[in-house]
Every structure is written in structure tokens, then in C-alpha cells.
Amino acid sequence: MDTHTFMPPARLFRTIADFFQQPIRVHHVPYAVMMLIAWCSQWLAQRKIIKKHLLSTTDVKAFGNEFHFSIERAARELNWKPRMPVEKGLEHSLQWQQKRRENPDLVG
């Protein structure tokens, strides 16, 4: 695993919450239970019993798995390497987003 670029979802959410100084509570629910809730929610929404599904099976798949993407090929074939660790890049992105939020007319 490339520790330079890998960030599990729970750490991503904690990093974002910390940046905005917001509390975060993590609850661990078994994958199968979440998938059942999502499936039922979608089923109810399709039949117009509820207006909109609360959770989709796609959401569960996305957040219930830890996807690993390797930069090995880019490093090998393009001689590429990240300029900074993922946490630092995320911090830069969040700072940029916060500046844009405070001043929507900013370019770049």
C-alpha cells in the first residue's frame, strides 16, 4: 500500500471535520445492514412511499469499501511523484474552498 497517497474514508472525514473545527461521530454499522437499509430505502422511494431515498446502494458501496489506487505505473512510466502527502494536499484544497466560499468572485 502506498502510504503517501492512501487515505481511508474515516480519516478523510475526520481530517475535513478537524479543518472546519466541527465535531464528528463515527458509528460502525455492518456492511450488510447498511446495504439492506439502502435497498429498502430505494424500494420505498421507487414506489413513492417516501419522497427520496435516504441512502443508496451506490453510497454504501462507495463508503463501505476502501479503494486503493496505485501511483506505481505513473511513477514508473512518467517518472511522476506526488508533490506532497495526501493530508497536505487535502489541507490546501480545503483552504482554497474556504477562500472561494468567503469570496465567490475569486478566480483560480
PDB file of N, CA and C in Angstrom:
ATOM      1  N   MET A   1       0.845  -1.180   0.000  1.00  0.00           N
ATOM      2  CA  MET A   1       0.000   0.000   0.000  1.00  0.00           C
ATOM      3  C   MET A   1       0.888   1.240   0.000  1.00  0.00           C
ATOM      4  N   ASP A   2       0.496   2.226  -0.760  1.00  0.00           N
ATOM      5  CA  ASP A   2       1.227   3.470  -0.844  1.00  0.00           C
ATOM      6  C   ASP A   2       0.721   4.401   0.251  1.00  0.00           C
ATOM      7  N   THR A   3       1.452   4.494   1.328  1.00  0.00           N
ATOM      8  CA  THR A   3       1.016   5.325   2.458  1.00  0.00           C
ATOM      9  C   THR A   3       1.106   6.807   2.137  1.00  0.00           C
ATOM     10  N   HIS A   4       1.823   7.150   1.065  1.00  0.00           N
ATOM     11  CA  HIS A   4       1.963   8.555   0.681  1.00  0.00           C
ATOM     12  C   HIS A   4       0.660   9.093   0.083  1.00  0.00           C
ATOM     13  N   THR A   5      -0.119   8.225  -0.544  1.00  0.00           N
ATOM     14  CA  THR A   5      -1.334   8.690  -1.217  1.00  0.00           C
ATOM     15  C   THR A   5      -2.614   8.063  -0.681  1.00  0.00           C
ATOM     16  N   PHE A   6      -2.542   7.093   0.204  1.00  0.00           N
ATOM     17  CA  PHE A   6      -3.735   6.396   0.683  1.00  0.00           C
ATOM     18  C   PHE A   6      -4.341   7.108   1.890  1.00  0.00           C
ATOM     19  N   MET A   7      -5.677   7.262   1.860  1.00  0.00           N
ATOM     20  CA  MET A   7      -6.396   7.815   3.000  1.00  0.00           C
ATOM     21  C   MET A   7      -7.737   7.106   3.112  1.00  0.00           C
ATOM     22  N   PRO A   8      -7.934   6.321   4.165  1.00  0.00           N
ATOM     23  CA  PRO A   8      -9.228   5.656   4.350  1.00  0.00           C
ATOM     24  C   PRO A   8     -10.335   6.682   4.550  1.00  0.00           C
ATOM     25  N   PRO A   9     -11.579   6.334   4.186  1.00  0.00           N
ATOM     26  CA  PRO A   9     -12.696   7.278   4.320  1.00  0.00           C
ATOM     27  C   PRO A   9     -12.835   7.885   5.716  1.00  0.00           C
ATOM     28  N   ALA A  10     -12.710   7.085   6.750  1.00  0.00           N
ATOM     29  CA  ALA A  10     -12.889   7.613   8.114  1.00  0.00           C
ATOM     30  C   ALA A  10     -11.858   8.708   8.410  1.00  0.00           C
ATOM     31  N   ARG A  11     -10.614   8.512   7.964  1.00  0.00           N
ATOM     32  CA  ARG A  11      -9.578   9.523   8.190  1.00  0.00           C
ATOM     33  C   ARG A  11      -9.853  10.772   7.345  1.00  0.00           C
ATOM     34  N   LEU A  12     -10.354  10.578   6.138  1.00  0.00           N
ATOM     35  CA  LEU A  12     -10.712  11.712   5.276  1.00  0.00           C
ATOM     36  C   LEU A  12     -11.764  12.573   5.969  1.00  0.00           C
ATOM     37  N   PHE A  13     -12.832  11.949   6.470  1.00  0.00           N
ATOM     38  CA  PHE A  13     -13.908  12.699   7.118  1.00  0.00           C
ATOM     39  C   PHE A  13     -13.426  13.384   8.393  1.00  0.00           C
ATOM     40  N   ARG A  14     -12.561  12.700   9.151  1.00  0.00           N
ATOM     41  CA  ARG A  14     -12.027  13.318  10.372  1.00  0.00           C
ATOM     42  C   ARG A  14     -11.144  14.517  10.033  1.00  0.00           C
ATOM     43  N   THR A  15     -10.353  14.400   8.988  1.00  0.00           N
ATOM     44  CA  THR A  15      -9.475  15.499   8.573  1.00  0.00           C
ATOM     45  C   THR A  15     -10.303  16.720   8.171  1.00  0.00           C
ATOM     46  N   ILE A  16     -11.368  16.501   7.421  1.00  0.00           N
ATOM     47  CA  ILE A  16     -12.239  17.600   6.994  1.00  0.00           C
ATOM     48  C   ILE A  16     -12.928  18.229   8.202  1.00  0.00           C
ATOM     49  N   ALA A  17     -13.455  17.401   9.097  1.00  0.00           N
ATOM     50  CA  ALA A  17     -14.127  17.908  10.298  1.00  0.00           C
ATOM     51  C   ALA A  17     -13.153  18.704  11.161  1.00  0.00           C
ATOM     52  N   ASP A  18     -11.935  18.206  11.320  1.00  0.00           N
ATOM     53  CA  ASP A  18     -10.930  18.922  12.101  1.00  0.00           C
ATOM     54  C   ASP A  18     -10.612  20.281  11.476  1.00  0.00           C
ATOM     55  N   PHE A  19     -10.491  20.311  10.158  1.00  0.00           N
ATOM     56  CA  PHE A  19     -10.174  21.562   9.471  1.00  0.00           C
ATOM     57  C   PHE A  19     -11.235  22.625   9.762  1.00  0.00           C
ATOM     58  N   PHE A  20     -12.493  22.211   9.710  1.00  0.00           N
ATOM     59  CA  PHE A  20     -13.588  23.149   9.956  1.00  0.00           C
ATOM     60  C   PHE A  20     -13.968  23.224  11.429  1.00  0.00           C
ATOM     61  N   GLN A  21     -13.179  22.590  12.275  1.00  0.00           N
ATOM     62  CA  GLN A  21     -13.387  22.580  13.730  1.00  0.00           C
ATOM     63  C   GLN A  21     -14.811  22.161  14.082  1.00  0.00           C
ATOM     64  N   GLN A  22     -15.228  21.079  13.448  1.00  0.00           N
ATOM     65  CA  GLN A  22     -16.552  20.529  13.682  1.00  0.00           C
ATOM     66  C   GLN A  22     -16.420  19.149  14.314  1.00  0.00           C
ATOM     67  N   PRO A  23     -17.259  18.846  15.270  1.00  0.00           N
ATOM     68  CA  PRO A  23     -17.199  17.501  15.860  1.00  0.00           C
ATOM     69  C   PRO A  23     -17.699  16.469  14.848  1.00  0.00           C
ATOM     70  N   ILE A  24     -17.206  15.284  14.984  1.00  0.00           N
ATOM     71  CA  ILE A  24     -17.652  14.189  14.119  1.00  0.00           C
ATOM     72  C   ILE A  24     -17.797  12.948  14.986  1.00  0.00           C
ATOM     73  N   ARG A  25     -18.875  12.237  14.728  1.00  0.00           N
ATOM     74  CA  ARG A  25     -19.101  10.979  15.441  1.00  0.00           C
ATOM     75  C   ARG A  25     -19.149   9.873  14.407  1.00  0.00           C
ATOM     76  N   VAL A  26     -18.373   8.869  14.634  1.00  0.00           N
ATOM     77  CA  VAL A  26     -18.314   7.745  13.701  1.00  0.00           C
ATOM     78  C   VAL A  26     -19.036   6.565  14.333  1.00  0.00           C
ATOM     79  N   HIS A  27     -19.958   6.013  13.582  1.00  0.00           N
ATOM     80  CA  HIS A  27     -20.685   4.833  14.030  1.00  0.00           C
ATOM     81  C   HIS A  27     -20.380   3.713  13.044  1.00  0.00           C
ATOM     82  N   HIS A  28     -20.012   2.592  13.552  1.00  0.00           N
ATOM     83  CA  HIS A  28     -19.720   1.452  12.694  1.00  0.00           C
ATOM     84  C   HIS A  28     -20.948   0.550  12.626  1.00  0.00           C
ATOM     85  N   VAL A  29     -21.466   0.398  11.428  1.00  0.00           N
ATOM     86  CA  VAL A  29     -22.632  -0.444  11.180  1.00  0.00           C
ATOM     87  C   VAL A  29     -22.194  -1.501  10.171  1.00  0.00           C
ATOM     88  N   PRO A  30     -22.546  -2.749  10.388  1.00  0.00           N
ATOM     89  CA  PRO A  30     -22.141  -3.793   9.444  1.00  0.00           C
ATOM     90  C   PRO A  30     -22.595  -3.476   8.015  1.00  0.00           C
ATOM     91  N   TYR A  31     -21.732  -3.798   7.075  1.00  0.00           N
ATOM     92  CA  TYR A  31     -21.970  -3.525   5.658  1.00  0.00           C
ATOM     93  C   TYR A  31     -23.309  -4.099   5.201  1.00  0.00           C
ATOM     94  N   ALA A  32     -23.601  -5.322   5.581  1.00  0.00           N
ATOM     95  CA  ALA A  32     -24.848  -5.977   5.147  1.00  0.00           C
ATOM     96  C   ALA A  32     -26.075  -5.233   5.660  1.00  0.00           C
ATOM     97  N   VAL A  33     -26.006  -4.716   6.866  1.00  0.00           N
ATOM     98  CA  VAL A  33     -27.122  -3.962   7.446  1.00  0.00           C
ATOM     99  C   VAL A  33     -27.323  -2.663   6.668  1.00  0.00           C
ATOM    100  N   MET A  34     -26.245  -1.979   6.375  1.00  0.00           N
ATOM    101  CA  MET A  34     -26.343  -0.725   5.610  1.00  0.00           C
ATOM    102  C   MET A  34     -26.890  -0.981   4.210  1.00  0.00           C
ATOM    103  N   MET A  35     -26.446  -2.071   3.589  1.00  0.00           N
ATOM    104  CA  MET A  35     -26.932  -2.395   2.252  1.00  0.00           C
ATOM    105  C   MET A  35     -28.436  -2.686   2.294  1.00  0.00           C
ATOM    106  N   LEU A  36     -28.902  -3.381   3.318  1.00  0.00           N
ATOM    107  CA  LEU A  36     -30.327  -3.664   3.462  1.00  0.00           C
ATOM    108  C   LEU A  36     -31.131  -2.374   3.656  1.00  0.00           C
ATOM    109  N   ILE A  37     -30.637  -1.479   4.495  1.00  0.00           N
ATOM    110  CA  ILE A  37     -31.304  -0.195   4.712  1.00  0.00           C
ATOM    111  C   ILE A  37     -31.376   0.583   3.399  1.00  0.00           C
ATOM    112  N   ALA A  38     -30.284   0.619   2.668  1.00  0.00           N
ATOM    113  CA  ALA A  38     -30.251   1.343   1.388  1.00  0.00           C
ATOM    114  C   ALA A  38     -31.214   0.723   0.389  1.00  0.00           C
ATOM    115  N   TRP A  39     -31.212  -0.578   0.294  1.00  0.00           N
ATOM    116  CA  TRP A  39     -32.093  -1.262  -0.656  1.00  0.00           C
ATOM    117  C   TRP A  39     -33.558  -0.967  -0.315  1.00  0.00           C
ATOM    118  N   CYS A  40     -33.914  -1.063   0.967  1.00  0.00           N
ATOM    119  CA  CYS A  40     -35.294  -0.779   1.390  1.00  0.00           C
ATOM    120  C   CYS A  40     -35.659   0.677   1.114  1.00  0.00           C
ATOM    121  N   SER A  41     -34.739   1.575   1.384  1.00  0.00           N
ATOM    122  CA  SER A  41     -34.972   2.994   1.150  1.00  0.00           C
ATOM    123  C   SER A  41     -35.222   3.270  -0.331  1.00  0.00           C
ATOM    124  N   GLN A  42     -34.420   2.683  -1.187  1.00  0.00           N
ATOM    125  CA  GLN A  42     -34.612   2.858  -2.627  1.00  0.00           C
ATOM    126  C   GLN A  42     -35.942   2.248  -3.079  1.00  0.00           C
ATOM    127  N   TRP A  43     -36.274   1.090  -2.552  1.00  0.00           N
ATOM    128  CA  TRP A  43     -37.520   0.412  -2.904  1.00  0.00           C
ATOM    129  C   TRP A  43     -38.718   1.285  -2.524  1.00  0.00           C
ATOM    130  N   LEU A  44     -38.680   1.864  -1.317  1.00  0.00           N
ATOM    131  CA  LEU A  44     -39.768   2.726  -0.859  1.00  0.00           C
ATOM    132  C   LEU A  44     -39.881   3.984  -1.724  1.00  0.00           C
ATOM    133  N   ALA A  45     -38.749   4.545  -2.123  1.00  0.00           N
ATOM    134  CA  ALA A  45     -38.761   5.743  -2.968  1.00  0.00           C
ATOM    135  C   ALA A  45     -39.282   5.431  -4.369  1.00  0.00           C
ATOM    136  N   GLN A  46     -38.927   4.283  -4.910  1.00  0.00           N
ATOM    137  CA  GLN A  46     -39.409   3.895  -6.238  1.00  0.00           C
ATOM    138  C   GLN A  46     -40.928   3.753  -6.253  1.00  0.00           C
ATOM    139  N   ARG A  47     -41.489   3.330  -5.149  1.00  0.00           N
ATOM    140  CA  ARG A  47     -42.931   3.140  -5.059  1.00  0.00           C
ATOM    141  C   ARG A  47     -43.633   4.375  -4.512  1.00  0.00           C
ATOM    142  N   LYS A  48     -42.900   5.458  -4.390  1.00  0.00           N
ATOM    143  CA  LYS A  48     -43.419   6.752  -3.951  1.00  0.00           C
ATOM    144  C   LYS A  48     -44.017   6.710  -2.540  1.00  0.00           C
ATOM    145  N   ILE A  49     -43.542   5.778  -1.747  1.00  0.00           N
ATOM    146  CA  ILE A  49     -43.970   5.708  -0.350  1.00  0.00           C
ATOM    147  C   ILE A  49     -43.225   6.778   0.453  1.00  0.00           C
ATOM    148  N   ILE A  50     -41.981   7.030   0.055  1.00  0.00           N
ATOM    149  CA  ILE A  50     -41.218   8.161   0.589  1.00  0.00           C
ATOM    150  C   ILE A  50     -40.775   8.999  -0.608  1.00  0.00           C
ATOM    151  N   LYS A  51     -40.502  10.290  -0.368  1.00  0.00           N
ATOM    152  CA  LYS A  51     -40.161  11.184  -1.478  1.00  0.00           C
ATOM    153  C   LYS A  51     -38.817  10.842  -2.112  1.00  0.00           C
ATOM    154  N   LYS A  52     -37.822  10.605  -1.286  1.00  0.00           N
ATOM    155  CA  LYS A  52     -36.473  10.386  -1.792  1.00  0.00           C
ATOM    156  C   LYS A  52     -35.792   9.345  -0.913  1.00  0.00           C
ATOM    157  N   HIS A  53     -34.981   8.521  -1.553  1.00  0.00           N
ATOM    158  CA  HIS A  53     -34.290   7.510  -0.752  1.00  0.00           C
ATOM    159  C   HIS A  53     -33.324   8.177   0.220  1.00  0.00           C
ATOM    160  N   LEU A  54     -33.178   7.577   1.369  1.00  0.00           N
ATOM    161  CA  LEU A  54     -32.304   8.107   2.408  1.00  0.00           C
ATOM    162  C   LEU A  54     -30.840   7.770   2.139  1.00  0.00           C
ATOM    163  N   LEU A  55     -30.652   6.657   1.495  1.00  0.00           N
ATOM    164  CA  LEU A  55     -29.319   6.124   1.257  1.00  0.00           C
ATOM    165  C   LEU A  55     -29.421   5.211   0.052  1.00  0.00           C
ATOM    166  N   SER A  56     -28.447   5.256  -0.819  1.00  0.00           N
ATOM    167  CA  SER A  56     -28.489   4.377  -1.981  1.00  0.00           C
ATOM    168  C   SER A  56     -27.492   3.234  -1.823  1.00  0.00           C
ATOM    169  N   THR A  57     -27.716   2.184  -2.568  1.00  0.00           N
ATOM    170  CA  THR A  57     -26.769   1.063  -2.542  1.00  0.00           C
ATOM    171  C   THR A  57     -25.423   1.507  -3.096  1.00  0.00           C
ATOM    172  N   THR A  58     -25.434   2.469  -4.010  1.00  0.00           N
ATOM    173  CA  THR A  58     -24.181   3.013  -4.541  1.00  0.00           C
ATOM    174  C   THR A  58     -23.397   3.731  -3.443  1.00  0.00           C
ATOM    175  N   ASP A  59     -24.106   4.473  -2.592  1.00  0.00           N
ATOM    176  CA  ASP A  59     -23.457   5.142  -1.460  1.00  0.00           C
ATOM    177  C   ASP A  59     -22.787   4.117  -0.545  1.00  0.00           C
ATOM    178  N   VAL A  60     -23.515   3.071  -0.248  1.00  0.00           N
ATOM    179  CA  VAL A  60     -22.983   2.043   0.655  1.00  0.00           C
ATOM    180  C   VAL A  60     -21.737   1.405   0.045  1.00  0.00           C
ATOM    181  N   LYS A  61     -21.804   1.106  -1.246  1.00  0.00           N
ATOM    182  CA  LYS A  61     -20.635   0.511  -1.911  1.00  0.00           C
ATOM    183  C   LYS A  61     -19.443   1.464  -1.874  1.00  0.00           C
ATOM    184  N   ALA A  62     -19.703   2.748  -2.116  1.00  0.00           N
ATOM    185  CA  ALA A  62     -18.609   3.725  -2.147  1.00  0.00           C
ATOM    186  C   ALA A  62     -17.975   3.933  -0.779  1.00  0.00           C
ATOM    187  N   PHE A  63     -18.799   4.053   0.249  1.00  0.00           N
ATOM    188  CA  PHE A  63     -18.267   4.340   1.576  1.00  0.00           C
ATOM    189  C   PHE A  63     -17.974   3.092   2.394  1.00  0.00           C
ATOM    190  N   GLY A  64     -18.456   1.968   1.937  1.00  0.00           N
ATOM    191  CA  GLY A  64     -18.237   0.725   2.667  1.00  0.00           C
ATOM    192  C   GLY A  64     -16.985  -0.015   2.248  1.00  0.00           C
ATOM    193  N   ASN A  65     -16.332   0.498   1.241  1.00  0.00           N
ATOM    194  CA  ASN A  65     -15.102  -0.129   0.756  1.00  0.00           C
ATOM    195  C   ASN A  65     -13.962   0.861   0.849  1.00  0.00           C
ATOM    196  N   GLU A  66     -12.786   0.333   1.029  1.00  0.00           N
ATOM    197  CA  GLU A  66     -11.597   1.173   0.979  1.00  0.00           C
ATOM    198  C   GLU A  66     -10.935   0.910  -0.361  1.00  0.00           C
ATOM    199  N   PHE A  67     -11.073   1.862  -1.260  1.00  0.00           N
ATOM    200  CA  PHE A  67     -10.485   1.715  -2.573  1.00  0.00           C
ATOM    201  C   PHE A  67      -9.013   2.104  -2.522  1.00  0.00           C
ATOM    202  N   HIS A  68      -8.205   1.330  -3.166  1.00  0.00           N
ATOM    203  CA  HIS A  68      -6.776   1.604  -3.229  1.00  0.00           C
ATOM    204  C   HIS A  68      -6.404   1.831  -4.691  1.00  0.00           C
ATOM    205  N   PHE A  69      -5.824   2.976  -4.963  1.00  0.00           N
ATOM    206  CA  PHE A  69      -5.378   3.289  -6.312  1.00  0.00           C
ATOM    207  C   PHE A  69      -3.874   3.498  -6.262  1.00  0.00           C
ATOM    208  N   SER A  70      -3.188   2.796  -7.091  1.00  0.00           N
ATOM    209  CA  SER A  70      -1.738   2.853  -7.083  1.00  0.00           C
ATOM    210  C   SER A  70      -1.222   3.925  -8.035  1.00  0.00           C
ATOM    211  N   ILE A  71      -0.158   4.600  -7.613  1.00  0.00           N
ATOM    212  CA  ILE A  71       0.517   5.561  -8.477  1.00  0.00           C
ATOM    213  C   ILE A  71       1.775   4.943  -9.090  1.00  0.00           C
ATOM    214  N   GLU A  72       1.928   3.655  -8.853  1.00  0.00           N
ATOM    215  CA  GLU A  72       3.148   2.958  -9.277  1.00  0.00           C
ATOM    216  C   GLU A  72       3.426   3.107 -10.777  1.00  0.00           C
ATOM    217  N   ARG A  73       2.413   2.929 -11.604  1.00  0.00           N
ATOM    218  CA  ARG A  73       2.620   2.999 -13.055  1.00  0.00           C
ATOM    219  C   ARG A  73       3.000   4.423 -13.485  1.00  0.00           C
ATOM    220  N   ALA A  74       2.318   5.424 -12.937  1.00  0.00           N
ATOM    221  CA  ALA A  74       2.662   6.813 -13.263  1.00  0.00           C
ATOM    222  C   ALA A  74       4.081   7.130 -12.816  1.00  0.00           C
ATOM    223  N   ALA A  75       4.457   6.625 -11.656  1.00  0.00           N
ATOM    224  CA  ALA A  75       5.814   6.851 -11.163  1.00  0.00           C
ATOM    225  C   ALA A  75       6.839   6.184 -12.078  1.00  0.00           C
ATOM    226  N   ARG A  76       6.529   4.976 -12.488  1.00  0.00           N
ATOM    227  CA  ARG A  76       7.472   4.205 -13.305  1.00  0.00           C
ATOM    228  C   ARG A  76       7.550   4.745 -14.737  1.00  0.00           C
ATOM    229  N   GLU A  77       6.412   4.936 -15.383  1.00  0.00           N
ATOM    230  CA  GLU A  77       6.412   5.293 -16.803  1.00  0.00           C
ATOM    231  C   GLU A  77       6.563   6.791 -17.061  1.00  0.00           C
ATOM    232  N   LEU A  78       6.117   7.603 -16.141  1.00  0.00           N
ATOM    233  CA  LEU A  78       6.180   9.055 -16.345  1.00  0.00           C
ATOM    234  C   LEU A  78       7.165   9.741 -15.414  1.00  0.00           C
ATOM    235  N   ASN A  79       7.788   8.943 -14.570  1.00  0.00           N
ATOM    236  CA  ASN A  79       8.706   9.477 -13.567  1.00  0.00           C
ATOM    237  C   ASN A  79       8.008  10.531 -12.702  1.00  0.00           C
ATOM    238  N   TRP A  80       6.745  10.240 -12.371  1.00  0.00           N
ATOM    239  CA  TRP A  80       5.920  11.170 -11.614  1.00  0.00           C
ATOM    240  C   TRP A  80       5.908  10.779 -10.149  1.00  0.00           C
ATOM    241  N   LYS A  81       5.848  11.780  -9.308  1.00  0.00           N
ATOM    242  CA  LYS A  81       5.630  11.532  -7.879  1.00  0.00           C
ATOM    243  C   LYS A  81       4.837  12.694  -7.302  1.00  0.00           C
ATOM    244  N   PRO A  82       4.050  12.427  -6.286  1.00  0.00           N
ATOM    245  CA  PRO A  82       3.240  13.492  -5.682  1.00  0.00           C
ATOM    246  C   PRO A  82       4.137  14.578  -5.091  1.00  0.00           C
ATOM    247  N   ARG A  83       3.659  15.797  -5.165  1.00  0.00           N
ATOM    248  CA  ARG A  83       4.422  16.915  -4.607  1.00  0.00           C
ATOM    249  C   ARG A  83       4.355  16.953  -3.086  1.00  0.00           C
ATOM    250  N   MET A  84       3.273  16.375  -2.551  1.00  0.00           N
ATOM    251  CA  MET A  84       3.070  16.436  -1.105  1.00  0.00           C
ATOM    252  C   MET A  84       2.223  15.244  -0.670  1.00  0.00           C
ATOM    253  N   PRO A  85       2.248  14.923   0.608  1.00  0.00           N
ATOM    254  CA  PRO A  85       1.388  13.845   1.121  1.00  0.00           C
ATOM    255  C   PRO A  85      -0.089  14.218   0.959  1.00  0.00           C
ATOM    256  N   VAL A  86      -0.935  13.218   0.930  1.00  0.00           N
ATOM    257  CA  VAL A  86      -2.361  13.420   0.696  1.00  0.00           C
ATOM    258  C   VAL A  86      -2.985  14.352   1.734  1.00  0.00           C
ATOM    259  N   GLU A  87      -2.567  14.258   2.992  1.00  0.00           N
ATOM    260  CA  GLU A  87      -3.127  15.137   4.032  1.00  0.00           C
ATOM    261  C   GLU A  87      -2.844  16.599   3.729  1.00  0.00           C
ATOM    262  N   LYS A  88      -1.619  16.878   3.279  1.00  0.00           N
ATOM    263  CA  LYS A  88      -1.235  18.259   2.958  1.00  0.00           C
ATOM    264  C   LYS A  88      -2.025  18.753   1.744  1.00  0.00           C
ATOM    265  N   GLY A  89      -2.185  17.903   0.732  1.00  0.00           N
ATOM    266  CA  GLY A  89      -2.964  18.265  -0.446  1.00  0.00           C
ATOM    267  C   GLY A  89      -4.415  18.537  -0.089  1.00  0.00           C
ATOM    268  N   LEU A  90      -4.962  17.725   0.796  1.00  0.00           N
ATOM    269  CA  LEU A  90      -6.340  17.935   1.244  1.00  0.00           C
ATOM    270  C   LEU A  90      -6.462  19.256   1.986  1.00  0.00           C
ATOM    271  N   GLU A  91      -5.488  19.545   2.826  1.00  0.00           N
ATOM    272  CA  GLU A  91      -5.493  20.809   3.568  1.00  0.00           C
ATOM    273  C   GLU A  91      -5.469  22.002   2.600  1.00  0.00           C
ATOM    274  N   HIS A  92      -4.622  21.936   1.578  1.00  0.00           N
ATOM    275  CA  HIS A  92      -4.570  23.008   0.568  1.00  0.00           C
ATOM    276  C   HIS A  92      -5.924  23.150  -0.136  1.00  0.00           C
ATOM    277  N   SER A  93      -6.540  22.029  -0.480  1.00  0.00           N
ATOM    278  CA  SER A  93      -7.837  22.053  -1.157  1.00  0.00           C
ATOM    279  C   SER A  93      -8.915  22.677  -0.269  1.00  0.00           C
ATOM    280  N   LEU A  94      -8.907  22.322   1.000  1.00  0.00           N
ATOM    281  CA  LEU A  94      -9.899  22.867   1.929  1.00  0.00           C
ATOM    282  C   LEU A  94      -9.697  24.366   2.134  1.00  0.00           C
ATOM    283  N   GLN A  95      -8.432  24.805   2.206  1.00  0.00           N
ATOM    284  CA  GLN A  95      -8.156  26.239   2.338  1.00  0.00           C
ATOM    285  C   GLN A  95      -8.648  26.997   1.112  1.00  0.00           C
ATOM    286  N   TRP A  96      -8.401  26.423  -0.075  1.00  0.00           N
ATOM    287  CA  TRP A  96      -8.860  27.041  -1.317  1.00  0.00           C
ATOM    288  C   TRP A  96     -10.382  27.149  -1.327  1.00  0.00           C
ATOM    289  N   GLN A  97     -11.045  26.053  -0.942  1.00  0.00           N
ATOM    290  CA  GLN A  97     -12.505  26.036  -0.917  1.00  0.00           C
ATOM    291  C   GLN A  97     -13.054  27.070   0.060  1.00  0.00           C
ATOM    292  N   GLN A  98     -12.410  27.190   1.207  1.00  0.00           N
ATOM    293  CA  GLN A  98     -12.865  28.154   2.207  1.00  0.00           C
ATOM    294  C   GLN A  98     -12.711  29.584   1.681  1.00  0.00           C
ATOM    295  N   LYS A  99     -11.607  29.878   0.993  1.00  0.00           N
ATOM    296  CA  LYS A  99     -11.407  31.211   0.415  1.00  0.00           C
ATOM    297  C   LYS A  99     -12.467  31.503  -0.644  1.00  0.00           C
ATOM    298  N   ARG A 100     -12.768  30.511  -1.481  1.00  0.00           N
ATOM    299  CA  ARG A 100     -13.791  30.672  -2.522  1.00  0.00           C
ATOM    300  C   ARG A 100     -15.162  30.908  -1.888  1.00  0.00           C
ATOM    301  N   ARG A 101     -15.407  30.237  -0.786  1.00  0.00           N
ATOM    302  CA  ARG A 101     -16.703  30.380  -0.100  1.00  0.00           C
ATOM    303  C   ARG A 101     -16.857  31.789   0.465  1.00  0.00           C
ATOM    304  N   GLU A 102     -15.745  32.316   0.992  1.00  0.00           N
ATOM    305  CA  GLU A 102     -15.769  33.654   1.575  1.00  0.00           C
ATOM    306  C   GLU A 102     -15.813  34.735   0.499  1.00  0.00           C
ATOM    307  N   ASN A 103     -15.219  34.439  -0.678  1.00  0.00           N
ATOM    308  CA  ASN A 103     -15.203  35.394  -1.765  1.00  0.00           C
ATOM    309  C   ASN A 103     -15.445  34.659  -3.084  1.00  0.00           C
ATOM    310  N   PRO A 104     -16.718  34.488  -3.479  1.00  0.00           N
ATOM    311  CA  PRO A 104     -17.054  33.693  -4.677  1.00  0.00           C
ATOM    312  C   PRO A 104     -16.498  34.258  -5.986  1.00  0.00           C
ATOM    313  N   ASP A 105     -16.067  35.524  -6.000  1.00  0.00           N
ATOM    314  CA  ASP A 105     -15.542  36.127  -7.224  1.00  0.00           C
ATOM    315  C   ASP A 105     -14.088  35.788  -7.478  1.00  0.00           C
ATOM    316  N   LEU A 106     -13.434  35.098  -6.547  1.00  0.00           N
ATOM    317  CA  LEU A 106     -12.031  34.706  -6.740  1.00  0.00           C
ATOM    318  C   LEU A 106     -11.899  33.782  -7.924  1.00  0.00           C
ATOM    319  N   VAL A 107     -10.835  33.961  -8.666  1.00  0.00           N
ATOM    320  CA  VAL A 107     -10.544  33.091  -9.798  1.00  0.00           C
ATOM    321  C   VAL A 107      -9.310  32.279  -9.440  1.00  0.00           C
ATOM    322  N   GLY A 108      -9.370  30.963  -9.748  1.00  0.00           N
ATOM    323  CA  GLY A 108      -8.205  30.106  -9.535  1.00  0.00           C
ATOM    324  C   GLY A 108      -8.087  29.554  -8.169  1.00  0.00           C
TER     325      GLY A 108
END
